[in-house]
Amino acid sequence: MQQLPSPGVAVFRLGGREHRLAAMQEAGTDALFFLFTDETNRDETYGAGRELEAEAPVGDKVVRDFNRADSPTCAISAYSLYLLLPRQNRLPL
């Protein structure tokens, strides 16, 4: 099993609550990506979660646009693998 490094945690506020997502980073790139689930994964989106790419952080800031979250390739193909998302990346939203 391959493990990807996590360079840190992205923190954001929504609905008056603080949320955290562990970032992941593939070797050779400064860009980050996040694997996460939320309450839409039951009926509206792929059950195992979604993925979100983000450009490299500028200083201590990273911009994530959840409107750009995608279903992973395994949502449409039985012949692809899916990374297991970090347990802490389950959003109660």
C-alpha atoms as a PDB file:
ATOM      1  CA  MET A   1       0.000   0.000   0.000  1.00  0.00           C
ATOM      2  CA  GLN A   2       1.342   3.403  -0.984  1.00  0.00           C
ATOM      3  CA  GLN A   3       0.976   6.318   1.402  1.00  0.00           C
ATOM      4  CA  LEU A   4       1.102   9.906   0.184  1.00  0.00           C
ATOM      5  CA  PRO A   5       2.618  12.602   2.341  1.00  0.00           C
ATOM      6  CA  SER A   6       0.359  15.126   4.016  1.00  0.00           C
ATOM      7  CA  PRO A   7       2.075  18.505   4.137  1.00  0.00           C
ATOM      8  CA  GLY A   8      -0.520  19.889   6.541  1.00  0.00           C
ATOM      9  CA  VAL A   9      -4.115  20.643   7.320  1.00  0.00           C
ATOM     10  CA  ALA A  10      -6.322  23.250   5.656  1.00  0.00           C
ATOM     11  CA  VAL A  11      -8.661  24.994   8.100  1.00  0.00           C
ATOM     12  CA  PHE A  12     -11.822  26.839   7.095  1.00  0.00           C
ATOM     13  CA  ARG A  13     -14.989  28.176   8.709  1.00  0.00           C
ATOM     14  CA  LEU A  14     -18.484  27.477   7.425  1.00  0.00           C
ATOM     15  CA  GLY A  15     -21.756  28.014   9.221  1.00  0.00           C
ATOM     16  CA  GLY A  16     -19.940  29.366  12.259  1.00  0.00           C
ATOM     17  CA  ARG A  17     -17.943  26.139  12.692  1.00  0.00           C
ATOM     18  CA  GLU A  18     -14.316  25.377  12.055  1.00  0.00           C
ATOM     19  CA  HIS A  19     -13.554  22.447   9.736  1.00  0.00           C
ATOM     20  CA  ARG A  20     -10.251  20.812   8.840  1.00  0.00           C
ATOM     21  CA  LEU A  21      -9.118  18.800   5.848  1.00  0.00           C
ATOM     22  CA  ALA A  22      -5.814  16.951   5.656  1.00  0.00           C
ATOM     23  CA  ALA A  23      -4.076  17.811   2.394  1.00  0.00           C
ATOM     24  CA  MET A  24      -2.181  15.292   0.292  1.00  0.00           C
ATOM     25  CA  GLN A  25       0.600  15.873  -2.168  1.00  0.00           C
ATOM     26  CA  GLU A  26       2.004  13.736  -4.938  1.00  0.00           C
ATOM     27  CA  ALA A  27       5.774  13.588  -5.396  1.00  0.00           C
ATOM     28  CA  GLY A  28       7.194  16.195  -7.741  1.00  0.00           C
ATOM     29  CA  THR A  29       4.378  18.744  -7.423  1.00  0.00           C
ATOM     30  CA  ASP A  30       3.542  21.681  -5.179  1.00  0.00           C
ATOM     31  CA  ALA A  31      -0.185  21.323  -5.832  1.00  0.00           C
ATOM     32  CA  LEU A  32      -2.381  19.832  -3.133  1.00  0.00           C
ATOM     33  CA  PHE A  33      -5.395  17.610  -3.277  1.00  0.00           C
ATOM     34  CA  PHE A  34      -8.034  16.652  -0.782  1.00  0.00           C
ATOM     35  CA  LEU A  35     -10.115  13.498  -0.560  1.00  0.00           C
ATOM     36  CA  PHE A  36     -13.253  14.083   1.475  1.00  0.00           C
ATOM     37  CA  THR A  37     -16.794  13.026   2.185  1.00  0.00           C
ATOM     38  CA  ASP A  38     -19.795  15.040   3.272  1.00  0.00           C
ATOM     39  CA  GLU A  39     -23.473  14.367   3.847  1.00  0.00           C
ATOM     40  CA  THR A  40     -24.231  14.406   0.097  1.00  0.00           C
ATOM     41  CA  ASN A  41     -22.298  11.144  -0.314  1.00  0.00           C
ATOM     42  CA  ARG A  42     -25.330   9.170   0.799  1.00  0.00           C
ATOM     43  CA  ASP A  43     -27.637   9.950  -2.111  1.00  0.00           C
ATOM     44  CA  GLU A  44     -26.371  12.787  -4.291  1.00  0.00           C
ATOM     45  CA  THR A  45     -22.693  12.042  -4.944  1.00  0.00           C
ATOM     46  CA  TYR A  46     -20.412   8.995  -5.105  1.00  0.00           C
ATOM     47  CA  GLY A  47     -20.541   7.176  -1.774  1.00  0.00           C
ATOM     48  CA  ALA A  48     -16.798   6.767  -1.228  1.00  0.00           C
ATOM     49  CA  GLY A  49     -16.128  10.501  -1.466  1.00  0.00           C
ATOM     50  CA  ARG A  50     -14.908  13.176  -3.797  1.00  0.00           C
ATOM     51  CA  GLU A  51     -11.600  14.757  -4.649  1.00  0.00           C
ATOM     52  CA  LEU A  52     -10.610  18.376  -4.865  1.00  0.00           C
ATOM     53  CA  GLU A  53      -7.415  19.783  -6.341  1.00  0.00           C
ATOM     54  CA  ALA A  54      -5.886  23.038  -5.191  1.00  0.00           C
ATOM     55  CA  GLU A  55      -2.943  25.073  -6.401  1.00  0.00           C
ATOM     56  CA  ALA A  56       0.154  25.266  -4.255  1.00  0.00           C
ATOM     57  CA  PRO A  57      -0.293  27.347  -1.107  1.00  0.00           C
ATOM     58  CA  VAL A  58       0.820  30.960  -1.140  1.00  0.00           C
ATOM     59  CA  GLY A  59       2.358  31.540   2.255  1.00  0.00           C
ATOM     60  CA  ASP A  60      -0.033  29.893   4.685  1.00  0.00           C
ATOM     61  CA  LYS A  61      -3.118  30.277   2.439  1.00  0.00           C
ATOM     62  CA  VAL A  62      -4.624  27.710   0.084  1.00  0.00           C
ATOM     63  CA  VAL A  63      -7.667  28.328  -2.096  1.00  0.00           C
ATOM     64  CA  ARG A  64     -10.173  25.465  -2.366  1.00  0.00           C
ATOM     65  CA  ASP A  65     -13.254  25.784  -4.517  1.00  0.00           C
ATOM     66  CA  PHE A  66     -15.654  23.022  -3.489  1.00  0.00           C
ATOM     67  CA  ASN A  67     -17.671  23.700  -6.651  1.00  0.00           C
ATOM     68  CA  ARG A  68     -14.795  22.043  -8.507  1.00  0.00           C
ATOM     69  CA  ALA A  69     -14.860  18.800  -6.488  1.00  0.00           C
ATOM     70  CA  ASP A  70     -14.999  15.730  -8.718  1.00  0.00           C
ATOM     71  CA  SER A  71     -15.964  12.129  -8.316  1.00  0.00           C
ATOM     72  CA  PRO A  72     -12.904   9.893  -8.559  1.00  0.00           C
ATOM     73  CA  THR A  73     -12.339   7.727 -11.625  1.00  0.00           C
ATOM     74  CA  CYS A  74     -13.476   4.647  -9.703  1.00  0.00           C
ATOM     75  CA  ALA A  75     -16.983   6.151  -9.590  1.00  0.00           C
ATOM     76  CA  ILE A  76     -17.359   5.373 -13.294  1.00  0.00           C
ATOM     77  CA  SER A  77     -14.905   2.523 -13.870  1.00  0.00           C
ATOM     78  CA  ALA A  78     -14.503  -0.782 -12.078  1.00  0.00           C
ATOM     79  CA  TYR A  79     -10.924  -0.913 -13.364  1.00  0.00           C
ATOM     80  CA  SER A  80      -9.436   1.953 -11.384  1.00  0.00           C
ATOM     81  CA  LEU A  81      -8.207   2.278  -7.831  1.00  0.00           C
ATOM     82  CA  TYR A  82      -9.255   4.815  -5.241  1.00  0.00           C
ATOM     83  CA  LEU A  83      -7.136   6.187  -2.447  1.00  0.00           C
ATOM     84  CA  LEU A  84      -8.605   5.768   0.999  1.00  0.00           C
ATOM     85  CA  LEU A  85      -9.429   9.137   2.417  1.00  0.00           C
ATOM     86  CA  PRO A  86      -8.103  10.239   5.780  1.00  0.00           C
ATOM     87  CA  ARG A  87     -10.629   9.619   8.548  1.00  0.00           C
ATOM     88  CA  GLN A  88     -10.530  13.294   9.581  1.00  0.00           C
ATOM     89  CA  ASN A  89     -11.692  14.348   6.092  1.00  0.00           C
ATOM     90  CA  ARG A  90     -15.342  13.493   6.782  1.00  0.00           C
ATOM     91  CA  LEU A  91     -17.212  16.794   6.816  1.00  0.00           C
ATOM     92  CA  PRO A  92     -20.495  17.086   8.769  1.00  0.00           C
ATOM     93  CA  LEU A  93     -22.007  19.360   6.088  1.00  0.00           C
END
